[in-house]
Protein backbone atom coordinates (compact mmCIF):
# COMPACT_ATOMS: atom_id res chain seq x y z
CA MET A 1 105.06 118.06 165.53
CA TYR A 2 103.28 119.11 162.42
CA GLY A 3 106.53 118.92 160.48
CA ASN A 4 107.18 115.35 161.43
CA MET A 5 103.64 114.35 160.54
CA TYR A 6 103.76 115.78 157.06
CA GLY A 7 107.21 114.33 156.48
CA ASN A 8 106.14 110.80 157.30
CA GLU A 9 103.12 111.15 155.06
CA ASN A 10 105.27 112.10 152.07
CA GLU A 11 107.57 109.20 152.63
CA THR A 12 104.56 106.89 152.73
CA VAL A 13 103.23 108.25 149.42
CA GLN A 14 106.60 107.84 147.67
CA SER A 15 106.92 104.30 148.91
CA GLN A 16 103.50 103.50 147.54
CA GLU A 17 104.32 105.02 144.11
CA THR A 18 107.53 103.08 143.68
CA GLN A 19 106.18 99.89 145.03
CA GLY A 20 106.12 97.17 142.39
CA LYS A 21 108.63 98.92 139.96
CA PRO A 22 112.25 97.74 139.38
CA PRO A 23 114.92 100.02 140.82
CA VAL A 24 116.73 102.39 138.39
CA LYS A 25 120.49 101.74 138.11
CA PRO A 26 122.81 104.79 138.03
CA PHE A 27 124.47 105.56 134.53
CA ASN A 28 128.09 104.42 134.29
CA THR A 29 130.13 107.40 132.85
CA ALA A 30 133.22 105.22 132.32
CA VAL A 31 131.35 103.20 129.71
CA LEU A 32 130.40 106.41 127.86
CA VAL A 33 133.99 107.66 127.82
CA ALA A 34 135.29 104.33 126.50
CA LEU A 35 132.62 104.32 123.78
CA ILE A 36 133.51 107.84 122.61
CA ALA A 37 137.22 107.02 122.63
CA GLY A 38 136.64 103.90 120.54
CA ILE A 39 134.60 105.78 117.94
CA SER A 40 137.22 108.56 117.76
CA ALA A 41 140.01 106.03 117.24
CA ILE A 42 138.12 104.41 114.37
CA ILE A 43 137.58 107.82 112.71
CA CYS A 44 141.27 108.79 113.13
CA VAL A 45 142.48 105.49 111.69
CA THR A 46 140.15 105.90 108.72
CA ILE A 47 141.39 109.44 108.02
CA PHE A 48 145.03 108.49 108.48
CA SER A 49 144.68 105.47 106.21
CA GLY A 50 143.16 107.62 103.49
CA ASN A 51 145.91 110.24 103.73
CA PHE A 52 148.61 107.58 103.83
CA ALA A 53 147.22 105.93 100.71
CA LYS A 54 147.15 109.31 98.97
CA TYR A 55 150.73 110.02 100.06
CA LYS A 56 151.88 106.63 98.77
CA LYS A 57 150.21 107.36 95.48
CA TYR A 58 151.64 110.83 94.98
CA SER A 59 154.92 110.83 96.89
CA ALA A 60 158.16 111.39 94.95
CA GLY A 61 159.22 107.82 95.61
CA SER A 62 156.25 106.34 93.78
CA GLY A 63 155.09 106.31 90.20
CA ILE A 64 157.65 106.32 87.42
CA THR A 65 160.97 108.19 87.24
CA VAL A 66 162.68 108.87 83.92
CA THR A 67 165.78 110.79 82.87
CA GLY A 68 165.87 112.73 79.64
CA SER A 69 168.95 114.18 78.00
CA ALA A 70 169.88 116.61 75.26
CA SER A 71 173.16 117.69 73.70
CA CYS A 72 174.41 119.86 70.88
CA ASP A 73 177.67 120.84 69.24
CA PHE A 74 178.59 124.50 68.95
CA GLU A 75 181.52 126.72 68.07
CA SER A 76 183.05 129.34 70.36
CA ASP A 77 182.60 132.97 69.35
CA LEU A 78 185.10 134.60 71.72
CA ILE A 79 188.81 134.03 72.36
CA VAL A 80 190.94 135.22 75.27
CA TRP A 81 194.71 135.00 74.96
CA ARG A 82 197.16 135.98 77.70
CA GLY A 83 200.91 136.48 77.66
CA SER A 84 203.44 137.76 80.18
CA PHE A 85 206.87 139.36 79.96
CA SER A 86 209.54 140.56 82.33
CA SER A 87 212.65 142.76 82.44
CA TYR A 88 215.60 143.43 84.73
CA GLY A 89 217.41 146.57 85.74
CA PRO A 90 220.02 147.54 88.35
CA THR A 91 217.69 150.32 89.56
CA PRO A 92 213.89 150.57 89.67
CA LYS A 93 213.98 153.37 87.09
CA SER A 94 216.07 151.44 84.59
CA ALA A 95 213.99 148.27 85.11
CA TYR A 96 210.76 150.20 84.55
CA GLN A 97 212.09 151.86 81.40
CA SER A 98 213.09 148.45 80.09
CA ILE A 99 209.68 146.86 80.63
CA LYS A 100 207.94 149.93 79.20
CA ASN A 101 209.97 149.55 76.01
CA ASP A 102 209.02 145.87 75.84
CA ALA A 103 205.34 146.72 76.27
CA ASP A 104 205.53 149.23 73.40
CA VAL A 105 207.15 146.62 71.14
CA ILE A 106 204.50 144.03 72.04
CA LYS A 107 201.65 146.48 71.49
CA LYS A 108 203.00 147.49 68.06
CA TYR A 109 203.50 143.85 67.08
CA LEU A 110 199.93 142.93 67.98
CA MET A 111 198.39 145.95 66.29
CA ASP A 112 200.47 145.34 63.16
CA ASN A 113 198.89 141.88 63.07
CA GLY A 114 195.33 143.18 63.18
CA ILE A 115 194.62 143.47 66.90
CA SER A 116 192.77 146.69 67.71
CA GLU A 117 193.63 148.77 70.74
CA SER A 118 190.19 148.06 72.26
CA GLU A 119 191.02 144.34 72.23
CA LEU A 120 194.24 144.90 74.21
CA SER A 121 194.64 145.15 77.97
CA PHE A 122 197.93 145.51 79.87
CA SER A 123 198.09 144.73 83.56
CA SER A 124 199.84 146.86 86.14
CA VAL A 125 203.58 146.28 86.63
CA SER A 126 204.75 144.21 89.59
CA ILE A 127 208.29 144.49 90.96
CA SER A 128 210.56 142.34 93.09
CA GLN A 129 214.09 142.77 94.37
CA ARG A 130 216.86 140.47 93.25
CA TRP A 131 219.30 139.55 96.03
CA ILE A 132 222.60 137.69 95.85
CA THR A 133 223.88 135.73 98.83
CA GLU A 134 227.64 135.68 99.39
CA TYR A 135 229.54 132.70 100.91
CA ASN A 136 233.13 132.28 102.07
CA ASP A 137 235.49 129.50 101.06
CA GLU A 138 234.11 127.26 103.82
CA GLY A 139 230.57 127.59 102.42
CA GLU A 140 229.38 129.76 105.26
CA ARG A 141 227.01 132.56 104.50
CA ILE A 142 228.72 135.88 105.10
CA GLY A 143 226.11 138.26 103.73
CA GLU A 144 223.86 139.28 100.86
CA TYR A 145 223.45 142.32 98.71
CA LEU A 146 220.89 143.82 96.37
CA ASP A 147 221.63 142.99 92.75
CA GLY A 148 218.78 144.76 90.95
CA TYR A 149 215.08 144.64 90.22
CA ASP A 150 212.81 142.29 88.27
CA LEU A 151 209.61 143.68 86.78
CA TYR A 152 206.64 141.67 85.46
CA GLN A 153 203.64 142.57 83.32
CA SER A 154 200.95 140.69 81.40
CA VAL A 155 198.86 141.44 78.34
CA THR A 156 195.40 140.08 77.50
CA VAL A 157 193.82 139.96 74.07
CA THR A 158 190.03 139.52 73.94
CA SER A 159 188.51 139.23 70.49
CA GLU A 160 185.68 137.76 68.45
CA ASP A 161 188.12 137.08 65.60
CA ILE A 162 189.19 133.68 66.82
CA ASP A 163 191.25 132.62 63.81
CA LYS A 164 193.28 135.82 63.86
CA VAL A 165 194.20 135.59 67.53
CA ASP A 166 194.82 131.85 67.20
CA SER A 167 197.43 132.53 64.54
CA ILE A 168 199.17 135.26 66.55
CA SER A 169 199.31 133.15 69.72
CA ARG A 170 201.18 130.40 67.86
CA ASP A 171 203.80 132.65 66.33
CA ILE A 172 205.68 135.01 68.66
CA THR A 173 209.02 134.60 66.91
CA LYS A 174 209.44 138.31 66.27
CA LEU A 175 208.99 139.10 69.95
CA ILE A 176 211.66 136.60 70.92
CA GLU A 177 213.97 138.00 68.22
CA ALA A 178 213.50 141.43 69.81
CA ASN A 179 215.02 140.00 73.03
CA ILE A 180 211.68 140.15 74.86
CA GLU A 181 211.17 137.41 77.43
CA PHE A 182 207.59 136.70 76.44
CA GLU A 183 205.64 133.69 77.71
CA SER A 184 202.48 132.78 75.81
CA ASP A 185 199.55 131.00 77.52
CA SER A 186 197.16 128.72 75.68
CA PRO A 187 194.14 130.57 74.27
CA GLU A 188 190.80 130.21 76.05
CA TYR A 189 187.59 129.81 74.04
CA TYR A 190 184.15 130.98 75.20
CA TYR A 191 180.58 131.25 73.91
CA THR A 192 178.69 134.48 74.56
CA LYS A 193 175.19 133.00 73.98
CA LEU A 194 175.52 130.21 76.51
CA ASP A 195 172.37 131.15 78.46
CA GLU A 196 170.19 130.82 75.37
CA LEU A 197 171.82 127.50 74.55
CA LYS A 198 171.12 126.20 78.06
CA LEU A 199 167.42 127.07 77.86
CA ASP A 200 167.07 125.27 74.53
CA LEU A 201 168.78 122.17 75.93
CA ILE A 202 166.56 122.14 79.04
CA GLU A 203 163.46 122.23 76.84
CA GLN A 204 164.76 119.40 74.66
CA ALA A 205 165.80 117.26 77.65
CA THR A 206 162.37 117.72 79.28
CA GLU A 207 160.59 116.65 76.09
CA ASN A 208 162.91 113.65 75.86
CA ALA A 209 162.11 112.60 79.45
CA LYS A 210 158.34 112.91 78.87
CA MET A 211 158.63 110.82 75.70
CA ARG A 212 160.47 108.09 77.60
CA ALA A 213 157.81 108.07 80.32
CA ASP A 214 155.04 107.70 77.74
CA ILE A 215 156.81 104.78 76.06
CA ILE A 216 157.22 102.97 79.38
CA VAL A 217 153.63 103.40 80.62
CA ASN A 218 152.17 102.55 77.22
CA GLY A 219 153.96 99.25 77.36
CA THR A 220 152.34 98.44 80.71
CA ASN A 221 148.81 99.69 79.91
CA ALA A 222 149.17 102.47 82.46
CA LYS A 223 149.16 106.23 82.15
CA THR A 224 150.84 109.18 83.82
CA THR A 225 148.51 111.41 85.85
CA ARG A 226 150.57 114.26 87.22
CA LEU A 227 154.16 115.45 87.57
CA LEU A 228 155.43 114.92 91.11
CA SER A 229 158.94 116.36 90.84
CA ALA A 230 161.52 117.57 88.35
CA ASN A 231 165.27 117.79 88.85
CA LEU A 232 167.77 119.51 86.57
CA GLY A 233 171.20 117.96 86.15
CA VAL A 234 174.44 119.91 85.79
CA PHE A 235 175.65 121.23 82.47
CA GLN A 236 178.59 119.50 80.90
CA ILE A 237 180.58 121.47 78.31
CA THR A 238 183.37 119.38 76.87
CA ALA A 239 185.70 119.47 73.89
CA GLN A 240 184.09 118.13 70.75
CA ASN A 241 185.06 114.59 69.70
CA SER A 242 187.25 114.11 72.75
CA ASP A 243 187.44 111.73 75.69
CA SER A 244 186.74 114.51 78.18
CA GLU A 245 185.12 113.14 81.32
CA TYR A 246 181.98 114.55 82.88
CA SER A 247 182.32 116.12 86.31
CA TYR A 248 179.94 115.82 89.28
CA GLY A 249 179.82 119.60 89.54
CA GLY A 250 179.67 120.13 85.78
CA ALA A 251 182.46 120.46 83.23
CA PHE A 252 183.32 123.72 81.49
CA ASP A 253 185.94 123.32 78.79
CA THR A 254 187.81 126.45 77.62
CA SER A 255 190.69 124.75 75.82
CA SER A 256 188.92 123.94 72.55
CA LYS A 257 187.17 126.06 69.95
CA ASN A 258 184.56 123.40 69.11
CA LYS A 259 182.54 122.15 72.07
CA THR A 260 179.66 119.87 73.02
CA ALA A 261 177.05 120.86 75.62
CA THR A 262 174.98 118.23 77.46
CA ILE A 263 172.22 118.44 80.09
CA THR A 264 169.92 115.92 81.82
CA VAL A 265 166.44 116.34 83.34
CA LYS A 266 164.87 113.83 85.77
CA LEU A 267 161.05 113.69 85.97
CA ASN A 268 158.90 111.75 88.43
CA TYR A 269 155.26 111.06 87.44
CA ALA A 270 152.35 109.52 89.34
CA THR A 271 150.69 106.69 87.42
CA ASP A 272 147.31 104.96 87.31
């Protein structure tokens, strides 16, 4: 009884306090979520736009791209000359003795012409069997038999005296007169300081590329700000004063004593 009385009294007081005031509407959380999402989207777009503009400004595809080149003529300082010879014998022993005699004659000939023993190198001897096939009068194969042995060996001369070896390689008359079946290959010419040469050419090609970039931007009232990328081209070593063609993978001429080395460098700069 007492509980009901007090409860009705409270309700009466609350009604009197709120009487004459507009009712309070509940807060709509969906509106708050939409507002936050909208603000976040604006911030993300702003950040993305700034980064995209920076990327466009400094990406490798923008700015100015120039290619510099450098080349120089040089002379080989090392020659490699190879020759091969062979002999025949009815037995392995006789064939080996024959090719050993030929090797001694060749070694003496080369040393008599100024080649030192340290510049000489003989390969190991290879051997093959020589067979003869027999046919009857009707052309049918009736058998084959061993007819002897062929032996092969090669000699390599490596020297810094290019003119001396050049002369020897062109005149092997005495070896042929000694009944030696000697086959002479074309000499090969190399340069022992090629790494140093390459570094010098890279430096020159880089300076050439930077100079070209400066000329271009100066003509447009712009300026380079920073280097975005640098790419090194392949080395091309060709015969001097020849129509040798460049190769995609790089040329490396060994047939001529006098050569020309070329390199390219591609630089990409950002500009303002």
